[in-house]
């Protein structure tokens, strides 16, 4: 199964705390159960990274690898510590040497409009889910941005301003 790279960095009130690389490697993950009308996750499940969507809520605190094939999703009404908040597609045929820089800049730029507070002053961590070299070779160009909080929350982090 093809994996993607996930890095979530924690922010302190003034500066970036130590970076934390998170990941999960599990085969057999699917698309997850979704409400037909809203598209929201309706049952907790490991979901293939290629099936994640903006607005999906995750439990990633216990993820410990540096590449992921799936991530544990939950309905946003249940306690969770992560959320997919933005996505973009990178361009080009060659795997970018600066993929981390491109992805982190995109996630940084999308952070304040979503959270409602500057990245540097927020207590919320954030980082990208990026194509691995293998998934890039298979046509993957999608970068997704993941928020992460230390204490589980219910509902979306949109507009949380913390």
N, C-alpha and C. Protein backbone atom coordinates (compact mmCIF):
# COMPACT_ATOMS: atom_id res chain seq x y z
N UNK A 1 0.84 -1.16 0.00
CA UNK A 1 0.00 0.00 0.00
C UNK A 1 0.90 1.25 0.00
N UNK A 2 0.51 2.31 -0.69
CA UNK A 2 1.31 3.52 -0.80
C UNK A 2 1.07 4.41 0.41
N UNK A 3 2.14 5.01 0.93
CA UNK A 3 2.07 5.85 2.11
C UNK A 3 2.29 7.32 1.73
N UNK A 4 1.89 8.21 2.65
CA UNK A 4 2.15 9.64 2.55
C UNK A 4 2.92 10.06 3.79
N UNK A 5 3.56 11.22 3.75
CA UNK A 5 4.32 11.75 4.88
C UNK A 5 3.45 12.68 5.71
N UNK A 6 3.52 12.58 7.03
CA UNK A 6 2.76 13.44 7.93
C UNK A 6 3.69 14.04 8.96
N UNK A 7 3.68 15.36 9.06
CA UNK A 7 4.45 16.07 10.08
C UNK A 7 3.57 17.12 10.70
N UNK A 8 3.39 17.06 12.01
CA UNK A 8 2.62 18.08 12.73
C UNK A 8 3.56 18.76 13.70
N UNK A 9 3.61 20.07 13.66
CA UNK A 9 4.48 20.84 14.55
C UNK A 9 3.64 21.53 15.59
N UNK A 10 4.14 21.53 16.83
CA UNK A 10 3.45 22.19 17.93
C UNK A 10 3.92 23.62 18.05
N UNK A 11 2.99 24.52 18.29
CA UNK A 11 3.32 25.92 18.47
C UNK A 11 3.15 26.29 19.94
N UNK A 12 4.07 27.11 20.46
CA UNK A 12 3.88 27.68 21.78
C UNK A 12 3.31 29.08 21.57
N UNK A 13 3.13 29.82 22.62
CA UNK A 13 2.56 31.16 22.50
C UNK A 13 3.47 32.08 21.69
N UNK A 14 4.78 31.82 21.67
CA UNK A 14 5.70 32.71 20.98
C UNK A 14 6.43 32.03 19.83
N UNK A 15 6.80 30.77 20.00
CA UNK A 15 7.62 30.13 18.98
C UNK A 15 7.28 28.67 18.81
N UNK A 16 7.85 28.08 17.79
CA UNK A 16 7.63 26.68 17.48
C UNK A 16 8.32 25.80 18.51
N UNK A 17 7.56 24.90 19.10
CA UNK A 17 8.16 23.93 20.01
C UNK A 17 8.81 22.84 19.17
N UNK A 18 9.34 21.84 19.79
CA UNK A 18 10.01 20.77 19.05
C UNK A 18 9.04 20.16 18.04
N UNK A 19 9.52 19.92 16.85
CA UNK A 19 8.69 19.31 15.81
C UNK A 19 8.41 17.87 16.16
N UNK A 20 7.22 17.43 15.81
CA UNK A 20 6.84 16.05 16.10
C UNK A 20 6.41 15.39 14.80
N UNK A 21 7.10 14.35 14.39
CA UNK A 21 6.71 13.62 13.20
C UNK A 21 5.77 12.50 13.62
N UNK A 22 4.62 12.46 13.00
CA UNK A 22 3.61 11.49 13.37
C UNK A 22 3.22 10.67 12.16
N UNK A 23 2.88 9.42 12.39
CA UNK A 23 2.39 8.63 11.28
C UNK A 23 1.79 7.33 11.75
N UNK A 24 1.13 6.66 10.82
CA UNK A 24 0.54 5.37 11.10
C UNK A 24 0.70 4.53 9.85
N UNK A 25 1.04 3.28 10.01
CA UNK A 25 1.17 2.40 8.86
C UNK A 25 0.28 1.19 9.09
N UNK A 26 -0.82 1.13 8.36
CA UNK A 26 -1.76 0.02 8.52
C UNK A 26 -2.37 -0.32 7.18
N UNK A 27 -2.33 -1.56 6.80
CA UNK A 27 -2.92 -1.99 5.54
C UNK A 27 -4.39 -2.31 5.75
N UNK A 28 -5.12 -2.27 4.68
CA UNK A 28 -6.51 -2.66 4.72
C UNK A 28 -7.47 -1.56 5.14
N UNK A 29 -7.01 -0.34 5.31
CA UNK A 29 -7.91 0.74 5.67
C UNK A 29 -8.76 1.10 4.46
N UNK A 30 -9.97 1.57 4.74
CA UNK A 30 -10.89 1.89 3.65
C UNK A 30 -11.21 3.37 3.60
N UNK A 31 -12.37 3.65 3.03
CA UNK A 31 -12.82 5.02 2.86
C UNK A 31 -13.56 5.54 4.08
N UNK A 32 -13.95 4.67 5.00
CA UNK A 32 -14.71 5.09 6.17
C UNK A 32 -16.19 5.25 5.84
N UNK A 33 -17.00 5.22 6.89
CA UNK A 33 -18.44 5.41 6.73
C UNK A 33 -18.73 6.90 6.72
N UNK A 34 -19.45 7.38 5.69
CA UNK A 34 -19.79 8.79 5.56
C UNK A 34 -21.29 8.97 5.37
N UNK A 35 -21.79 10.07 5.92
CA UNK A 35 -23.17 10.46 5.69
C UNK A 35 -23.30 10.85 4.21
N UNK A 36 -24.29 10.30 3.52
CA UNK A 36 -24.44 10.57 2.09
C UNK A 36 -24.66 12.05 1.79
N UNK A 37 -25.46 12.72 2.61
CA UNK A 37 -25.79 14.12 2.34
C UNK A 37 -24.64 15.07 2.69
N UNK A 38 -24.06 14.92 3.86
CA UNK A 38 -23.03 15.86 4.33
C UNK A 38 -21.62 15.43 3.98
N UNK A 39 -21.39 14.15 3.77
CA UNK A 39 -20.05 13.63 3.53
C UNK A 39 -19.23 13.45 4.79
N UNK A 40 -19.82 13.71 5.96
CA UNK A 40 -19.10 13.62 7.23
C UNK A 40 -18.91 12.17 7.66
N UNK A 41 -17.79 11.91 8.33
CA UNK A 41 -17.51 10.60 8.91
C UNK A 41 -18.59 10.28 9.94
N UNK A 42 -19.14 9.06 9.89
CA UNK A 42 -20.20 8.68 10.84
C UNK A 42 -19.78 7.61 11.83
N UNK A 43 -18.66 6.93 11.57
CA UNK A 43 -18.16 5.89 12.47
C UNK A 43 -16.64 5.97 12.56
N UNK A 44 -16.12 5.71 13.74
CA UNK A 44 -14.66 5.68 13.92
C UNK A 44 -14.08 4.56 13.07
N UNK A 45 -13.00 4.86 12.35
CA UNK A 45 -12.35 3.85 11.51
C UNK A 45 -11.01 4.38 11.04
N UNK A 46 -10.09 3.46 10.74
CA UNK A 46 -8.85 3.85 10.06
C UNK A 46 -9.23 4.08 8.61
N UNK A 47 -8.91 5.28 8.10
CA UNK A 47 -9.27 5.65 6.74
C UNK A 47 -8.01 5.82 5.91
N UNK A 48 -8.02 5.27 4.72
CA UNK A 48 -6.92 5.40 3.79
C UNK A 48 -6.63 6.89 3.59
N UNK A 49 -5.34 7.28 3.62
CA UNK A 49 -4.98 8.70 3.49
C UNK A 49 -5.47 9.32 2.19
N UNK A 50 -5.68 8.53 1.18
CA UNK A 50 -6.16 9.05 -0.09
C UNK A 50 -7.67 9.29 -0.08
N UNK A 51 -8.34 8.91 1.01
CA UNK A 51 -9.78 9.13 1.15
C UNK A 51 -10.12 10.24 2.13
N UNK A 52 -9.10 10.83 2.78
CA UNK A 52 -9.35 11.91 3.73
C UNK A 52 -9.88 13.13 3.01
N UNK A 53 -10.74 13.89 3.70
CA UNK A 53 -11.32 15.10 3.14
C UNK A 53 -11.21 16.24 4.15
N UNK A 54 -11.21 17.47 3.64
CA UNK A 54 -11.26 18.63 4.53
C UNK A 54 -12.48 18.50 5.42
N UNK A 55 -12.28 18.71 6.72
CA UNK A 55 -13.36 18.60 7.69
C UNK A 55 -13.35 17.28 8.44
N UNK A 56 -12.56 16.31 7.98
CA UNK A 56 -12.48 15.04 8.70
C UNK A 56 -11.76 15.24 10.03
N UNK A 57 -12.30 14.60 11.07
CA UNK A 57 -11.71 14.68 12.40
C UNK A 57 -10.92 13.39 12.66
N UNK A 58 -9.79 13.54 13.34
CA UNK A 58 -8.82 12.45 13.50
C UNK A 58 -8.39 12.30 14.95
N UNK A 59 -7.86 11.15 15.26
CA UNK A 59 -7.16 10.91 16.53
C UNK A 59 -5.75 10.49 16.17
N UNK A 60 -4.82 11.45 16.23
CA UNK A 60 -3.46 11.20 15.78
C UNK A 60 -2.41 11.27 16.88
N UNK A 61 -2.82 11.51 18.12
CA UNK A 61 -1.83 11.66 19.20
C UNK A 61 -0.96 10.42 19.39
N UNK A 62 -1.49 9.25 19.15
CA UNK A 62 -0.73 8.02 19.37
C UNK A 62 -0.02 7.52 18.13
N UNK A 63 -0.10 8.25 17.03
CA UNK A 63 0.56 7.86 15.80
C UNK A 63 2.05 8.09 15.97
N UNK A 64 2.87 7.08 15.60
CA UNK A 64 4.30 7.17 15.91
C UNK A 64 5.24 6.96 14.73
N UNK A 65 4.78 6.63 13.56
CA UNK A 65 5.65 6.42 12.40
C UNK A 65 5.82 7.73 11.63
N UNK A 66 6.69 7.73 10.61
CA UNK A 66 6.90 8.94 9.82
C UNK A 66 6.19 8.91 8.47
N UNK A 67 5.61 7.78 8.11
CA UNK A 67 4.80 7.71 6.89
C UNK A 67 3.49 7.04 7.25
N UNK A 68 2.41 7.46 6.58
CA UNK A 68 1.10 6.93 6.89
C UNK A 68 0.42 6.36 5.66
N UNK A 69 -0.29 5.29 5.87
CA UNK A 69 -1.15 4.72 4.84
C UNK A 69 -2.61 4.97 5.21
N UNK A 70 -2.86 5.09 6.52
CA UNK A 70 -4.21 5.38 7.00
C UNK A 70 -4.09 6.21 8.28
N UNK A 71 -5.18 6.85 8.63
CA UNK A 71 -5.25 7.61 9.87
C UNK A 71 -6.57 7.31 10.56
N UNK A 72 -6.58 7.31 11.89
CA UNK A 72 -7.80 7.01 12.64
C UNK A 72 -8.76 8.21 12.64
N UNK A 73 -9.90 8.05 11.99
CA UNK A 73 -10.91 9.10 11.93
C UNK A 73 -12.04 8.80 12.91
N UNK A 74 -12.74 9.84 13.30
CA UNK A 74 -13.93 9.73 14.15
C UNK A 74 -14.92 10.78 13.71
N UNK A 75 -16.21 10.60 14.03
CA UNK A 75 -17.16 11.69 13.79
C UNK A 75 -16.70 12.91 14.60
N UNK A 76 -16.85 14.10 14.07
CA UNK A 76 -16.39 15.30 14.77
C UNK A 76 -17.17 15.56 16.06
N UNK A 77 -18.31 14.91 16.22
CA UNK A 77 -19.08 15.05 17.46
C UNK A 77 -18.46 14.25 18.61
N UNK A 78 -17.50 13.38 18.29
CA UNK A 78 -16.79 12.60 19.31
C UNK A 78 -15.46 13.28 19.62
N UNK A 79 -14.89 13.03 20.81
CA UNK A 79 -13.59 13.63 21.14
C UNK A 79 -12.52 13.23 20.11
N UNK A 80 -11.74 14.23 19.70
CA UNK A 80 -10.66 14.00 18.73
C UNK A 80 -9.57 15.04 18.95
N UNK A 81 -8.38 14.77 18.41
CA UNK A 81 -7.26 15.69 18.60
C UNK A 81 -6.72 16.25 17.30
N UNK A 82 -7.38 15.96 16.18
CA UNK A 82 -6.91 16.46 14.89
C UNK A 82 -8.05 16.72 13.93
N UNK A 83 -7.76 17.54 12.92
CA UNK A 83 -8.76 17.86 11.90
C UNK A 83 -8.05 18.26 10.61
N UNK A 84 -8.55 17.77 9.48
CA UNK A 84 -8.06 18.19 8.17
C UNK A 84 -8.71 19.55 7.88
N UNK A 85 -7.88 20.60 7.69
CA UNK A 85 -8.45 21.94 7.53
C UNK A 85 -8.23 22.60 6.17
N UNK A 86 -7.37 22.07 5.35
CA UNK A 86 -7.15 22.65 4.02
C UNK A 86 -6.45 21.63 3.14
N UNK A 87 -6.55 21.83 1.83
CA UNK A 87 -5.83 20.96 0.90
C UNK A 87 -5.54 21.71 -0.39
N UNK A 88 -4.49 21.26 -1.07
CA UNK A 88 -4.11 21.82 -2.37
C UNK A 88 -3.41 20.73 -3.17
N UNK A 89 -3.26 20.98 -4.45
CA UNK A 89 -2.52 20.07 -5.33
C UNK A 89 -1.25 20.77 -5.80
N UNK A 90 -0.13 20.09 -5.65
CA UNK A 90 1.14 20.61 -6.15
C UNK A 90 1.26 20.31 -7.64
N UNK A 91 2.06 21.10 -8.31
CA UNK A 91 2.26 20.93 -9.76
C UNK A 91 3.64 20.36 -10.03
N UNK A 92 3.79 19.81 -11.22
CA UNK A 92 5.11 19.34 -11.65
C UNK A 92 5.17 17.85 -11.84
N UNK A 93 6.16 17.44 -12.61
CA UNK A 93 6.37 16.02 -12.88
C UNK A 93 7.39 15.41 -11.92
N UNK A 94 8.38 16.20 -11.52
CA UNK A 94 9.44 15.72 -10.63
C UNK A 94 9.05 15.95 -9.17
N UNK A 95 9.41 15.00 -8.31
CA UNK A 95 9.16 15.15 -6.87
C UNK A 95 9.93 16.37 -6.38
N UNK A 96 9.25 17.36 -5.80
CA UNK A 96 9.93 18.60 -5.41
C UNK A 96 10.92 18.38 -4.26
N UNK A 97 12.13 18.89 -4.45
CA UNK A 97 13.14 18.83 -3.38
C UNK A 97 12.68 19.64 -2.18
N UNK A 98 11.85 20.67 -2.42
CA UNK A 98 11.36 21.54 -1.35
C UNK A 98 9.90 21.27 -1.00
N UNK A 99 9.46 20.00 -1.13
CA UNK A 99 8.06 19.67 -0.89
C UNK A 99 7.61 20.07 0.52
N UNK A 100 8.48 19.86 1.51
CA UNK A 100 8.12 20.22 2.88
C UNK A 100 7.90 21.73 3.00
N UNK A 101 8.79 22.52 2.40
CA UNK A 101 8.67 23.97 2.45
C UNK A 101 7.39 24.43 1.76
N UNK A 102 7.10 23.90 0.58
CA UNK A 102 5.88 24.27 -0.14
C UNK A 102 4.64 23.92 0.68
N UNK A 103 4.62 22.72 1.22
CA UNK A 103 3.45 22.25 1.98
C UNK A 103 3.29 23.05 3.27
N UNK A 104 4.38 23.27 3.99
CA UNK A 104 4.29 24.03 5.24
C UNK A 104 3.84 25.46 4.98
N UNK A 105 4.29 26.07 3.89
CA UNK A 105 3.86 27.44 3.58
C UNK A 105 2.37 27.47 3.28
N UNK A 106 1.89 26.51 2.50
CA UNK A 106 0.46 26.46 2.21
C UNK A 106 -0.34 26.30 3.50
N UNK A 107 0.07 25.37 4.37
CA UNK A 107 -0.66 25.14 5.63
C UNK A 107 -0.60 26.37 6.54
N UNK A 108 0.56 27.02 6.56
CA UNK A 108 0.71 28.25 7.35
C UNK A 108 -0.27 29.31 6.85
N UNK A 109 -0.33 29.52 5.54
CA UNK A 109 -1.21 30.53 4.96
C UNK A 109 -2.68 30.22 5.20
N UNK A 110 -3.04 28.94 5.26
CA UNK A 110 -4.44 28.54 5.47
C UNK A 110 -4.83 28.52 6.94
N UNK A 111 -3.85 28.53 7.84
CA UNK A 111 -4.11 28.38 9.28
C UNK A 111 -4.97 29.52 9.85
N UNK A 112 -4.51 30.75 9.76
CA UNK A 112 -5.23 31.87 10.39
C UNK A 112 -6.65 32.05 9.84
N UNK A 113 -6.86 31.98 8.53
CA UNK A 113 -8.24 32.10 8.06
C UNK A 113 -9.18 31.01 8.61
N UNK A 114 -8.63 29.81 8.85
CA UNK A 114 -9.46 28.72 9.37
C UNK A 114 -9.64 28.81 10.89
N UNK A 115 -8.53 28.95 11.61
CA UNK A 115 -8.57 28.94 13.08
C UNK A 115 -9.04 30.28 13.65
N UNK A 116 -8.74 31.38 12.95
CA UNK A 116 -9.14 32.69 13.45
C UNK A 116 -8.10 33.32 14.36
N UNK A 117 -6.90 32.81 14.31
CA UNK A 117 -5.80 33.32 15.14
C UNK A 117 -4.50 33.02 14.42
N UNK A 118 -3.51 33.88 14.60
CA UNK A 118 -2.21 33.68 13.96
C UNK A 118 -1.57 32.38 14.45
N UNK A 119 -0.89 31.71 13.56
CA UNK A 119 -0.21 30.45 13.86
C UNK A 119 0.76 30.62 15.02
N UNK A 120 1.50 31.74 15.02
CA UNK A 120 2.53 31.96 16.03
C UNK A 120 1.97 32.13 17.44
N UNK A 121 0.74 32.54 17.58
CA UNK A 121 0.16 32.78 18.91
C UNK A 121 -0.86 31.73 19.31
N UNK A 122 -1.14 30.80 18.45
CA UNK A 122 -2.12 29.76 18.72
C UNK A 122 -1.50 28.61 19.53
N UNK A 123 -2.35 27.92 20.27
CA UNK A 123 -1.91 26.71 20.99
C UNK A 123 -2.15 25.46 20.15
N UNK A 124 -2.68 25.64 18.96
CA UNK A 124 -2.98 24.52 18.07
C UNK A 124 -1.76 24.22 17.21
N UNK A 125 -1.40 22.94 17.11
CA UNK A 125 -0.33 22.52 16.23
C UNK A 125 -0.87 22.30 14.83
N UNK A 126 -0.01 22.35 13.84
CA UNK A 126 -0.45 22.15 12.46
C UNK A 126 0.70 21.64 11.62
N UNK A 127 0.35 20.97 10.57
CA UNK A 127 1.37 20.50 9.64
C UNK A 127 0.76 19.77 8.47
N UNK A 128 1.58 19.47 7.48
CA UNK A 128 1.07 18.86 6.26
C UNK A 128 1.15 17.34 6.20
N UNK A 129 0.23 16.81 5.44
CA UNK A 129 0.26 15.44 4.98
C UNK A 129 0.66 15.57 3.51
N UNK A 130 1.85 15.08 3.15
CA UNK A 130 2.38 15.29 1.81
C UNK A 130 2.61 13.98 1.07
N UNK A 131 2.66 14.05 -0.25
CA UNK A 131 2.99 12.85 -1.01
C UNK A 131 4.37 12.33 -0.64
N UNK A 132 4.50 11.03 -0.56
CA UNK A 132 5.83 10.42 -0.46
C UNK A 132 6.39 10.35 -1.88
N UNK A 133 7.66 10.03 -2.01
CA UNK A 133 8.22 9.89 -3.36
C UNK A 133 7.50 8.80 -4.14
N UNK A 134 7.12 7.73 -3.44
CA UNK A 134 6.43 6.63 -4.10
C UNK A 134 5.03 7.05 -4.55
N UNK A 135 4.27 7.73 -3.66
CA UNK A 135 2.92 8.14 -4.05
C UNK A 135 2.97 9.21 -5.15
N UNK A 136 4.00 10.08 -5.13
CA UNK A 136 4.18 11.08 -6.19
C UNK A 136 4.35 10.37 -7.54
N UNK A 137 5.17 9.33 -7.56
CA UNK A 137 5.39 8.58 -8.79
C UNK A 137 4.10 7.94 -9.30
N UNK A 138 3.17 7.69 -8.37
CA UNK A 138 1.86 7.12 -8.73
C UNK A 138 0.84 8.20 -9.08
N UNK A 139 1.27 9.49 -9.11
CA UNK A 139 0.37 10.56 -9.51
C UNK A 139 -0.19 11.39 -8.36
N UNK A 140 0.18 11.10 -7.13
CA UNK A 140 -0.32 11.85 -5.96
C UNK A 140 0.34 13.22 -5.91
N UNK A 141 -0.47 14.27 -5.90
CA UNK A 141 0.05 15.64 -5.80
C UNK A 141 -0.64 16.40 -4.66
N UNK A 142 -1.48 15.72 -3.89
CA UNK A 142 -2.30 16.40 -2.89
C UNK A 142 -1.57 16.59 -1.56
N UNK A 143 -1.66 17.82 -1.06
CA UNK A 143 -1.18 18.17 0.27
C UNK A 143 -2.41 18.50 1.10
N UNK A 144 -2.51 17.90 2.27
CA UNK A 144 -3.59 18.21 3.20
C UNK A 144 -2.98 18.73 4.49
N UNK A 145 -3.64 19.71 5.08
CA UNK A 145 -3.16 20.33 6.31
C UNK A 145 -3.95 19.77 7.49
N UNK A 146 -3.23 19.40 8.54
CA UNK A 146 -3.81 18.77 9.73
C UNK A 146 -3.59 19.67 10.94
N UNK A 147 -4.65 19.97 11.67
CA UNK A 147 -4.56 20.65 12.96
C UNK A 147 -4.44 19.58 14.03
N UNK A 148 -3.77 19.91 15.13
CA UNK A 148 -3.69 18.98 16.25
C UNK A 148 -3.67 19.75 17.55
N UNK A 149 -4.48 19.26 18.52
CA UNK A 149 -4.57 19.88 19.84
C UNK A 149 -4.09 18.89 20.89
N UNK A 150 -3.62 19.41 22.01
CA UNK A 150 -3.12 18.54 23.08
C UNK A 150 -4.26 17.83 23.81
N UNK A 151 -5.35 18.54 24.06
CA UNK A 151 -6.50 17.96 24.74
C UNK A 151 -7.62 17.73 23.72
N UNK A 152 -8.24 16.56 23.72
CA UNK A 152 -9.31 16.29 22.75
C UNK A 152 -10.44 17.32 22.82
N UNK A 153 -11.03 17.56 21.68
CA UNK A 153 -12.16 18.48 21.54
C UNK A 153 -13.30 17.76 20.83
N UNK A 154 -14.47 18.35 20.87
CA UNK A 154 -15.58 17.89 20.04
C UNK A 154 -15.96 19.04 19.12
N UNK A 155 -16.44 18.70 17.93
CA UNK A 155 -16.77 19.73 16.96
C UNK A 155 -15.54 20.15 16.18
N UNK A 156 -15.75 21.10 15.30
CA UNK A 156 -14.67 21.60 14.46
C UNK A 156 -13.79 22.60 15.20
N UNK A 157 -12.56 22.73 14.74
CA UNK A 157 -11.64 23.75 15.25
C UNK A 157 -11.74 25.05 14.44
N UNK A 158 -12.60 25.06 13.43
CA UNK A 158 -12.78 26.26 12.63
C UNK A 158 -13.26 27.40 13.53
N UNK A 159 -12.53 28.52 13.47
CA UNK A 159 -12.89 29.68 14.29
C UNK A 159 -12.58 29.54 15.75
N UNK A 160 -11.83 28.51 16.16
CA UNK A 160 -11.57 28.26 17.58
C UNK A 160 -10.79 29.39 18.24
N UNK A 161 -9.90 30.06 17.51
CA UNK A 161 -9.12 31.20 18.00
C UNK A 161 -8.45 30.91 19.35
N UNK A 162 -7.80 29.74 19.44
CA UNK A 162 -7.03 29.41 20.65
C UNK A 162 -5.61 29.03 20.28
